[in-house]
N, C-alpha and C. Protein backbone atom coordinates (compact mmCIF):
# COMPACT_ATOMS: atom_id res chain seq x y z
N MET A 1 55.87 48.39 29.82
CA MET A 1 55.37 48.74 28.50
C MET A 1 54.45 49.94 28.63
N LYS A 2 54.67 50.90 27.79
CA LYS A 2 53.80 52.07 27.79
C LYS A 2 53.31 52.30 26.38
N ARG A 3 52.36 53.20 26.26
CA ARG A 3 51.85 53.51 24.93
C ARG A 3 51.78 55.01 24.77
N PRO A 4 51.90 55.47 23.54
CA PRO A 4 51.75 56.91 23.31
C PRO A 4 50.29 57.30 23.43
N ASP A 5 50.05 58.59 23.67
CA ASP A 5 48.65 59.01 23.64
C ASP A 5 48.18 59.00 22.18
N PHE A 6 46.90 59.14 21.98
CA PHE A 6 46.34 58.98 20.63
C PHE A 6 46.92 59.97 19.64
N ASP A 7 47.08 61.23 20.03
CA ASP A 7 47.59 62.23 19.09
C ASP A 7 49.00 61.90 18.62
N ILE A 8 49.84 61.44 19.52
CA ILE A 8 51.21 61.05 19.15
C ILE A 8 51.16 59.82 18.24
N PHE A 9 50.30 58.85 18.58
CA PHE A 9 50.16 57.66 17.76
C PHE A 9 49.68 58.03 16.35
N ARG A 10 48.71 58.89 16.27
CA ARG A 10 48.16 59.32 14.98
C ARG A 10 49.25 59.97 14.13
N GLU A 11 50.02 60.85 14.75
CA GLU A 11 51.10 61.51 14.02
C GLU A 11 52.14 60.48 13.54
N MET A 12 52.47 59.52 14.40
CA MET A 12 53.42 58.48 14.03
C MET A 12 52.89 57.66 12.86
N PHE A 13 51.62 57.29 12.90
CA PHE A 13 50.99 56.51 11.85
C PHE A 13 51.02 57.28 10.53
N LEU A 14 50.60 58.55 10.57
CA LEU A 14 50.57 59.36 9.35
C LEU A 14 51.97 59.59 8.78
N ASN A 15 52.96 59.74 9.64
CA ASN A 15 54.33 59.91 9.16
C ASN A 15 54.84 58.64 8.49
N CYS A 16 54.54 57.48 9.06
CA CYS A 16 54.92 56.21 8.42
C CYS A 16 54.21 56.06 7.08
N LEU A 17 52.94 56.39 7.06
CA LEU A 17 52.16 56.33 5.82
C LEU A 17 52.74 57.27 4.78
N SER A 18 53.11 58.45 5.20
CA SER A 18 53.69 59.44 4.29
C SER A 18 55.01 58.94 3.70
N ARG A 19 55.86 58.37 4.54
CA ARG A 19 57.14 57.84 4.05
C ARG A 19 56.94 56.71 3.05
N CYS A 20 55.94 55.88 3.30
CA CYS A 20 55.69 54.72 2.42
C CYS A 20 54.99 55.11 1.11
N THR A 21 54.22 56.18 1.12
CA THR A 21 53.44 56.54 -0.07
C THR A 21 53.99 57.75 -0.80
N GLY A 22 54.77 58.58 -0.12
CA GLY A 22 55.28 59.80 -0.73
C GLY A 22 54.31 60.97 -0.65
N HIS A 23 53.14 60.75 -0.05
CA HIS A 23 52.16 61.83 0.12
C HIS A 23 52.44 62.56 1.43
N GLU A 24 52.04 63.80 1.50
CA GLU A 24 52.15 64.57 2.74
C GLU A 24 51.21 63.96 3.79
N PRO A 25 51.58 64.02 5.08
CA PRO A 25 50.72 63.45 6.13
C PRO A 25 49.29 63.96 6.09
N ASP A 26 49.09 65.27 5.82
CA ASP A 26 47.73 65.83 5.78
C ASP A 26 46.91 65.21 4.66
N VAL A 27 47.56 64.94 3.52
CA VAL A 27 46.88 64.30 2.39
C VAL A 27 46.54 62.85 2.76
N CYS A 28 47.47 62.18 3.42
CA CYS A 28 47.26 60.78 3.81
C CYS A 28 46.03 60.62 4.70
N ALA A 29 45.80 61.58 5.56
CA ALA A 29 44.66 61.51 6.49
C ALA A 29 43.32 61.55 5.76
N GLU A 30 43.31 62.07 4.56
CA GLU A 30 42.06 62.28 3.83
C GLU A 30 41.69 61.13 2.88
N ILE A 31 42.59 60.21 2.61
CA ILE A 31 42.30 59.15 1.64
C ILE A 31 41.70 57.92 2.32
N LYS A 32 41.10 57.06 1.53
CA LYS A 32 40.55 55.81 2.05
C LYS A 32 41.69 54.83 2.28
N TRP A 33 41.61 54.09 3.36
CA TRP A 33 42.64 53.10 3.70
C TRP A 33 42.79 52.08 2.58
N SER A 34 41.69 51.65 1.99
CA SER A 34 41.74 50.66 0.92
C SER A 34 42.39 51.20 -0.34
N GLU A 35 42.46 52.52 -0.48
CA GLU A 35 43.07 53.14 -1.65
C GLU A 35 44.56 53.42 -1.47
N VAL A 36 45.08 53.10 -0.30
CA VAL A 36 46.50 53.32 -0.04
C VAL A 36 47.33 52.40 -0.93
N GLY A 37 46.82 51.25 -1.24
CA GLY A 37 47.52 50.29 -2.08
C GLY A 37 47.04 48.89 -1.78
N GLU A 38 47.72 47.94 -2.33
CA GLU A 38 47.40 46.53 -2.09
C GLU A 38 47.62 46.21 -0.62
N PRO A 39 47.04 45.09 -0.15
CA PRO A 39 47.24 44.70 1.25
C PRO A 39 48.72 44.61 1.65
N GLY A 40 49.58 44.23 0.72
CA GLY A 40 51.01 44.16 1.02
C GLY A 40 51.60 45.51 1.37
N ILE A 41 51.14 46.55 0.69
CA ILE A 41 51.60 47.92 0.98
C ILE A 41 51.08 48.35 2.35
N ARG A 42 49.81 48.07 2.61
CA ARG A 42 49.24 48.43 3.92
C ARG A 42 49.96 47.68 5.04
N LYS A 43 50.34 46.43 4.77
CA LYS A 43 51.08 45.66 5.77
C LYS A 43 52.44 46.30 6.04
N GLU A 44 53.11 46.76 5.00
CA GLU A 44 54.41 47.44 5.17
C GLU A 44 54.25 48.69 6.04
N ILE A 45 53.18 49.41 5.83
CA ILE A 45 52.92 50.62 6.61
C ILE A 45 52.70 50.25 8.08
N LEU A 46 51.87 49.23 8.31
CA LEU A 46 51.62 48.80 9.69
C LEU A 46 52.89 48.26 10.33
N GLU A 47 53.73 47.58 9.56
CA GLU A 47 55.02 47.09 10.09
C GLU A 47 55.90 48.27 10.50
N ALA A 48 55.88 49.34 9.72
CA ALA A 48 56.67 50.54 10.05
C ALA A 48 56.16 51.17 11.34
N VAL A 49 54.84 51.27 11.49
CA VAL A 49 54.26 51.82 12.71
C VAL A 49 54.63 50.94 13.89
N LYS A 50 54.48 49.64 13.73
CA LYS A 50 54.80 48.68 14.79
C LYS A 50 56.28 48.80 15.19
N GLY A 51 57.17 48.95 14.21
CA GLY A 51 58.59 49.09 14.49
C GLY A 51 58.90 50.34 15.31
N GLU A 52 58.27 51.44 14.95
CA GLU A 52 58.48 52.68 15.71
C GLU A 52 57.94 52.56 17.12
N LEU A 53 56.79 51.92 17.26
CA LEU A 53 56.22 51.72 18.59
C LEU A 53 57.17 50.87 19.45
N GLN A 54 57.68 49.81 18.85
CA GLN A 54 58.58 48.92 19.58
C GLN A 54 59.84 49.67 20.00
N GLU A 55 60.38 50.45 19.09
CA GLU A 55 61.61 51.19 19.37
C GLU A 55 61.42 52.27 20.42
N ASN A 56 60.33 53.01 20.31
CA ASN A 56 60.12 54.16 21.19
C ASN A 56 59.37 53.86 22.48
N TYR A 57 58.54 52.81 22.47
CA TYR A 57 57.69 52.55 23.63
C TYR A 57 57.77 51.12 24.15
N GLY A 58 58.46 50.25 23.43
CA GLY A 58 58.52 48.85 23.86
C GLY A 58 57.17 48.16 23.74
N ALA A 59 56.33 48.68 22.86
CA ALA A 59 54.97 48.15 22.70
C ALA A 59 54.75 47.79 21.23
N GLY A 60 53.75 46.98 20.99
CA GLY A 60 53.43 46.61 19.62
C GLY A 60 52.02 46.08 19.51
N PHE A 61 51.66 45.66 18.33
CA PHE A 61 50.33 45.11 18.07
C PHE A 61 50.49 44.04 17.00
N GLU A 62 49.49 43.23 16.86
CA GLU A 62 49.50 42.19 15.84
C GLU A 62 48.87 42.72 14.56
N ILE A 63 49.54 42.51 13.47
CA ILE A 63 48.98 42.90 12.17
C ILE A 63 48.10 41.74 11.71
N ASN A 64 46.84 42.04 11.52
CA ASN A 64 45.90 40.99 11.13
C ASN A 64 45.06 41.44 9.93
N SER A 65 44.29 40.53 9.40
CA SER A 65 43.50 40.84 8.21
C SER A 65 42.49 41.94 8.47
N ARG A 66 42.00 42.04 9.69
CA ARG A 66 41.03 43.09 10.01
C ARG A 66 41.66 44.47 9.87
N LEU A 67 42.91 44.63 10.34
CA LEU A 67 43.58 45.93 10.21
C LEU A 67 43.94 46.22 8.76
N LEU A 68 44.25 45.20 8.01
CA LEU A 68 44.61 45.39 6.61
C LEU A 68 43.42 45.80 5.75
N SER A 69 42.23 45.44 6.19
CA SER A 69 41.05 45.68 5.36
C SER A 69 40.02 46.60 6.01
N VAL A 70 40.47 47.48 6.88
CA VAL A 70 39.55 48.45 7.50
C VAL A 70 38.85 49.24 6.41
N GLU A 71 37.54 49.35 6.52
CA GLU A 71 36.76 50.15 5.57
C GLU A 71 36.80 51.60 6.00
N GLY A 72 36.78 52.48 5.02
CA GLY A 72 36.71 53.91 5.33
C GLY A 72 38.05 54.59 5.21
N PRO A 73 38.12 55.79 5.78
CA PRO A 73 39.32 56.61 5.63
C PRO A 73 40.50 56.07 6.47
N VAL A 74 41.66 56.60 6.18
CA VAL A 74 42.87 56.24 6.94
C VAL A 74 42.63 56.47 8.43
N GLU A 75 41.87 57.51 8.74
CA GLU A 75 41.57 57.81 10.15
C GLU A 75 40.95 56.60 10.86
N SER A 76 40.10 55.85 10.17
CA SER A 76 39.50 54.64 10.75
C SER A 76 40.56 53.58 11.02
N ALA A 77 41.53 53.45 10.11
CA ALA A 77 42.62 52.49 10.31
C ALA A 77 43.47 52.90 11.51
N ILE A 78 43.69 54.19 11.67
CA ILE A 78 44.46 54.69 12.81
C ILE A 78 43.74 54.34 14.11
N ILE A 79 42.45 54.60 14.16
CA ILE A 79 41.66 54.34 15.37
C ILE A 79 41.65 52.85 15.69
N GLN A 80 41.42 52.01 14.69
CA GLN A 80 41.40 50.56 14.90
C GLN A 80 42.75 50.05 15.39
N THR A 81 43.83 50.55 14.80
CA THR A 81 45.17 50.11 15.19
C THR A 81 45.48 50.56 16.62
N PHE A 82 45.10 51.78 16.97
CA PHE A 82 45.32 52.27 18.33
C PHE A 82 44.52 51.43 19.33
N HIS A 83 43.32 51.05 18.95
CA HIS A 83 42.49 50.20 19.81
C HIS A 83 43.18 48.84 20.02
N GLU A 84 43.71 48.25 18.95
CA GLU A 84 44.44 46.98 19.07
C GLU A 84 45.60 47.13 20.05
N LEU A 85 46.38 48.19 19.87
CA LEU A 85 47.53 48.45 20.73
C LEU A 85 47.09 48.60 22.18
N SER A 86 46.07 49.40 22.43
CA SER A 86 45.59 49.64 23.79
C SER A 86 45.10 48.36 24.44
N THR A 87 44.41 47.53 23.68
CA THR A 87 43.90 46.26 24.22
C THR A 87 45.05 45.34 24.59
N ILE A 88 46.04 45.24 23.74
CA ILE A 88 47.19 44.38 24.02
C ILE A 88 47.93 44.85 25.26
N ILE A 89 48.15 46.14 25.38
CA ILE A 89 48.84 46.68 26.55
C ILE A 89 48.05 46.43 27.82
N LEU A 90 46.75 46.63 27.77
CA LEU A 90 45.90 46.37 28.92
C LEU A 90 45.97 44.90 29.33
N MET A 91 45.90 44.01 28.37
CA MET A 91 45.96 42.58 28.68
C MET A 91 47.31 42.20 29.28
N GLU A 92 48.38 42.79 28.76
CA GLU A 92 49.71 42.50 29.30
C GLU A 92 49.85 43.01 30.73
N LYS A 93 49.26 44.16 31.03
CA LYS A 93 49.29 44.69 32.40
C LYS A 93 48.52 43.77 33.35
N ILE A 94 47.36 43.31 32.92
CA ILE A 94 46.56 42.40 33.73
C ILE A 94 47.32 41.10 33.96
N ASN A 95 47.90 40.55 32.91
CA ASN A 95 48.67 39.31 33.05
C ASN A 95 49.85 39.49 34.00
N ALA A 96 50.54 40.63 33.92
CA ALA A 96 51.67 40.88 34.81
C ALA A 96 51.23 40.93 36.26
N LYS A 97 50.08 41.55 36.52
CA LYS A 97 49.57 41.61 37.89
C LYS A 97 49.18 40.22 38.39
N ILE A 98 48.57 39.44 37.52
CA ILE A 98 48.18 38.07 37.92
C ILE A 98 49.43 37.26 38.24
N LYS A 99 50.45 37.35 37.39
CA LYS A 99 51.68 36.60 37.61
C LYS A 99 52.41 37.03 38.85
N SER A 100 52.29 38.30 39.22
CA SER A 100 52.98 38.80 40.40
C SER A 100 52.21 38.48 41.68
N GLY A 101 50.99 38.03 41.55
CA GLY A 101 50.18 37.69 42.71
C GLY A 101 49.40 38.87 43.26
N SER A 102 49.48 40.01 42.58
CA SER A 102 48.75 41.20 43.02
C SER A 102 47.27 41.03 42.72
N ASN A 103 46.46 41.73 43.47
CA ASN A 103 45.04 41.76 43.20
C ASN A 103 44.84 42.65 41.98
N VAL A 104 44.31 42.09 40.91
CA VAL A 104 44.14 42.79 39.65
C VAL A 104 43.25 44.02 39.80
N PHE A 105 42.32 43.99 40.73
CA PHE A 105 41.34 45.06 40.83
C PHE A 105 41.77 46.17 41.79
N ASN A 106 42.91 46.03 42.42
CA ASN A 106 43.48 47.11 43.24
C ASN A 106 44.59 47.75 42.44
N ASN A 107 44.76 49.03 42.58
CA ASN A 107 45.78 49.82 41.86
C ASN A 107 45.33 50.12 40.50
């Protein structure tokens, strides 16, 4: 499992948001996450991002109430979602090393 770097993730997120809202990606970056729409709309957007991640990187994240209700601009939602993704990938790498019998703190 790998993850995109932040800039690629941000672009992917904004493109999914743009497709779901009809706004240009640059406009999407400037609005408040809570103003994107109802939580159901925000969930659809996160599902689209998650689907692209799964397809392109074999990675994903859990959509939870915290991500749906991030305060502030869309940029904050992007950062929080990327953090969720990074944490999940890190935990999966640690678990894989533990299961393989490798020393987690080497390599």
